[in-house]
Amino acid sequence: MKYLAPEQAEAKAVDQRSDVFSLGVILYEMATGVRPFEGDTQMSTLSSIIKDTPTPIGERRAGLPREFIKTVTASPRIPRIATSRPRTSAMIFGR
């Protein structure tokens, strides 16, 4: 549940952009050691996914390569609206 896209958290239709969002959350956590969206309960975690803006990854961990920050930011900075997200990981990585 901690990796759900906002539309999943709201029980709306999902597509591959939901996976792109989740990939960004995973990359953020791998790089910083913390998830971009947190809560004390499942409901508060879902609320965070839907409403909160995460701390920019470069502020959480200094010294990350600029390209990595750009990649994670393309996955999520994590656009809340699915139509604002890249449709595939290939679009993020330029392949």
C-alpha atoms as a PDB file:
ATOM      1  CA  MET A   1       0.000   0.000   0.000  1.00  0.00           C
ATOM      2  CA  LYS A   2       2.874   2.412   0.642  1.00  0.00           C
ATOM      3  CA  TYR A   3       3.728   2.403  -3.056  1.00  0.00           C
ATOM      4  CA  LEU A   4       0.252   2.998  -4.481  1.00  0.00           C
ATOM      5  CA  ALA A   5      -0.363   5.747  -6.989  1.00  0.00           C
ATOM      6  CA  PRO A   6      -2.920   8.378  -5.948  1.00  0.00           C
ATOM      7  CA  GLU A   7      -5.517   7.021  -8.349  1.00  0.00           C
ATOM      8  CA  GLN A   8      -5.116   3.565  -6.816  1.00  0.00           C
ATOM      9  CA  ALA A   9      -5.507   5.015  -3.331  1.00  0.00           C
ATOM     10  CA  GLU A  10      -8.759   6.608  -4.494  1.00  0.00           C
ATOM     11  CA  ALA A  11      -9.977   3.392  -6.190  1.00  0.00           C
ATOM     12  CA  LYS A  12      -9.905   5.022  -9.622  1.00  0.00           C
ATOM     13  CA  ALA A  13      -8.857   3.489 -12.939  1.00  0.00           C
ATOM     14  CA  VAL A  14      -5.166   2.661 -13.263  1.00  0.00           C
ATOM     15  CA  ASP A  15      -2.789   2.080 -16.164  1.00  0.00           C
ATOM     16  CA  GLN A  16       0.952   1.859 -16.697  1.00  0.00           C
ATOM     17  CA  ARG A  17       1.396   5.413 -15.366  1.00  0.00           C
ATOM     18  CA  SER A  18       0.436   4.072 -11.948  1.00  0.00           C
ATOM     19  CA  ASP A  19       3.453   1.784 -12.194  1.00  0.00           C
ATOM     20  CA  VAL A  20       5.666   4.736 -13.167  1.00  0.00           C
ATOM     21  CA  PHE A  21       4.514   6.542 -10.021  1.00  0.00           C
ATOM     22  CA  SER A  22       5.304   3.482  -7.887  1.00  0.00           C
ATOM     23  CA  LEU A  23       8.731   3.164  -9.516  1.00  0.00           C
ATOM     24  CA  GLY A  24       9.471   6.750  -8.516  1.00  0.00           C
ATOM     25  CA  VAL A  25       8.435   6.039  -4.935  1.00  0.00           C
ATOM     26  CA  ILE A  26      10.736   2.990  -4.834  1.00  0.00           C
ATOM     27  CA  LEU A  27      13.682   4.923  -6.304  1.00  0.00           C
ATOM     28  CA  TYR A  28      13.097   7.738  -3.807  1.00  0.00           C
ATOM     29  CA  GLU A  29      13.140   5.273  -0.922  1.00  0.00           C
ATOM     30  CA  MET A  30      16.221   3.465  -2.227  1.00  0.00           C
ATOM     31  CA  ALA A  31      18.149   6.725  -2.494  1.00  0.00           C
ATOM     32  CA  THR A  32      17.061   8.327   0.776  1.00  0.00           C
ATOM     33  CA  GLY A  33      16.167   5.472   3.095  1.00  0.00           C
ATOM     34  CA  VAL A  34      12.689   6.923   3.687  1.00  0.00           C
ATOM     35  CA  ARG A  35       9.445   6.784   1.754  1.00  0.00           C
ATOM     36  CA  PRO A  36       8.183  10.022   0.253  1.00  0.00           C
ATOM     37  CA  PHE A  37       4.723   9.430   1.749  1.00  0.00           C
ATOM     38  CA  GLU A  38       4.246   8.297   5.341  1.00  0.00           C
ATOM     39  CA  GLY A  39       1.530   7.895   7.892  1.00  0.00           C
ATOM     40  CA  ASP A  40       0.987   6.272  11.272  1.00  0.00           C
ATOM     41  CA  THR A  41      -1.933   4.229   9.956  1.00  0.00           C
ATOM     42  CA  GLN A  42      -2.968   2.834   6.592  1.00  0.00           C
ATOM     43  CA  MET A  43      -5.541   5.598   6.219  1.00  0.00           C
ATOM     44  CA  SER A  44      -3.062   8.363   7.023  1.00  0.00           C
ATOM     45  CA  THR A  45      -0.578   6.847   4.557  1.00  0.00           C
ATOM     46  CA  LEU A  46      -3.251   6.848   1.850  1.00  0.00           C
ATOM     47  CA  SER A  47      -4.070  10.459   2.720  1.00  0.00           C
ATOM     48  CA  SER A  48      -0.399  11.381   2.417  1.00  0.00           C
ATOM     49  CA  ILE A  49      -0.172   9.743  -1.019  1.00  0.00           C
ATOM     50  CA  ILE A  50      -3.222  11.675  -2.185  1.00  0.00           C
ATOM     51  CA  LYS A  51      -2.470  15.088  -0.649  1.00  0.00           C
ATOM     52  CA  ASP A  52       1.152  15.577   0.427  1.00  0.00           C
ATOM     53  CA  THR A  53       4.103  16.845  -1.560  1.00  0.00           C
ATOM     54  CA  PRO A  54       7.254  14.933  -0.629  1.00  0.00           C
ATOM     55  CA  THR A  55      10.449  16.643   0.407  1.00  0.00           C
ATOM     56  CA  PRO A  56      12.558  17.039  -2.751  1.00  0.00           C
ATOM     57  CA  ILE A  57      14.925  14.107  -3.047  1.00  0.00           C
ATOM     58  CA  GLY A  58      17.974  16.393  -3.326  1.00  0.00           C
ATOM     59  CA  GLU A  59      17.090  17.928   0.047  1.00  0.00           C
ATOM     60  CA  ARG A  60      16.725  14.501   1.657  1.00  0.00           C
ATOM     61  CA  ARG A  61      20.090  13.328   0.430  1.00  0.00           C
ATOM     62  CA  ALA A  62      22.786  15.653  -0.783  1.00  0.00           C
ATOM     63  CA  GLY A  63      25.225  14.589  -3.448  1.00  0.00           C
ATOM     64  CA  LEU A  64      22.901  12.510  -5.606  1.00  0.00           C
ATOM     65  CA  PRO A  65      23.741  12.688  -9.304  1.00  0.00           C
ATOM     66  CA  ARG A  66      21.700  15.310 -11.114  1.00  0.00           C
ATOM     67  CA  GLU A  67      20.491  12.768 -13.698  1.00  0.00           C
ATOM     68  CA  PHE A  68      19.217  10.480 -10.947  1.00  0.00           C
ATOM     69  CA  ILE A  69      17.301  13.336  -9.312  1.00  0.00           C
ATOM     70  CA  LYS A  70      15.833  14.223 -12.694  1.00  0.00           C
ATOM     71  CA  THR A  71      14.784  10.598 -13.256  1.00  0.00           C
ATOM     72  CA  VAL A  72      13.122  10.259  -9.865  1.00  0.00           C
ATOM     73  CA  THR A  73      11.450  13.622 -10.275  1.00  0.00           C
ATOM     74  CA  ALA A  74      10.059  12.479 -13.631  1.00  0.00           C
ATOM     75  CA  SER A  75       8.545   9.412 -12.001  1.00  0.00           C
ATOM     76  CA  PRO A  76       6.973  11.077  -9.210  1.00  0.00           C
ATOM     77  CA  ARG A  77       7.535  14.488  -7.947  1.00  0.00           C
ATOM     78  CA  ILE A  78       5.422  12.665  -8.358  1.00  0.00           C
ATOM     79  CA  PRO A  79       2.641  14.136 -10.421  1.00  0.00           C
ATOM     80  CA  ARG A  80      -0.661  13.465  -8.710  1.00  0.00           C
ATOM     81  CA  ILE A  81      -2.611  13.491 -11.939  1.00  0.00           C
ATOM     82  CA  ALA A  82      -1.909  10.356 -13.961  1.00  0.00           C
ATOM     83  CA  THR A  83      -2.130  12.199 -17.286  1.00  0.00           C
ATOM     84  CA  SER A  84       0.813  14.377 -16.177  1.00  0.00           C
ATOM     85  CA  ARG A  85       3.079  11.348 -15.722  1.00  0.00           C
ATOM     86  CA  PRO A  86       5.199   9.669 -18.368  1.00  0.00           C
ATOM     87  CA  ARG A  87       3.352   6.662 -19.805  1.00  0.00           C
ATOM     88  CA  THR A  88       6.346   4.318 -19.633  1.00  0.00           C
ATOM     89  CA  SER A  89       9.716   3.987 -17.967  1.00  0.00           C
ATOM     90  CA  ALA A  90      11.273   4.255 -21.426  1.00  0.00           C
ATOM     91  CA  MET A  91       9.995   7.836 -21.567  1.00  0.00           C
ATOM     92  CA  ILE A  92      11.793   8.551 -18.298  1.00  0.00           C
ATOM     93  CA  PHE A  93      15.070   6.941 -19.315  1.00  0.00           C
ATOM     94  CA  GLY A  94      14.946   8.210 -22.889  1.00  0.00           C
ATOM     95  CA  ARG A  95      14.826   4.806 -24.560  1.00  0.00           C
END
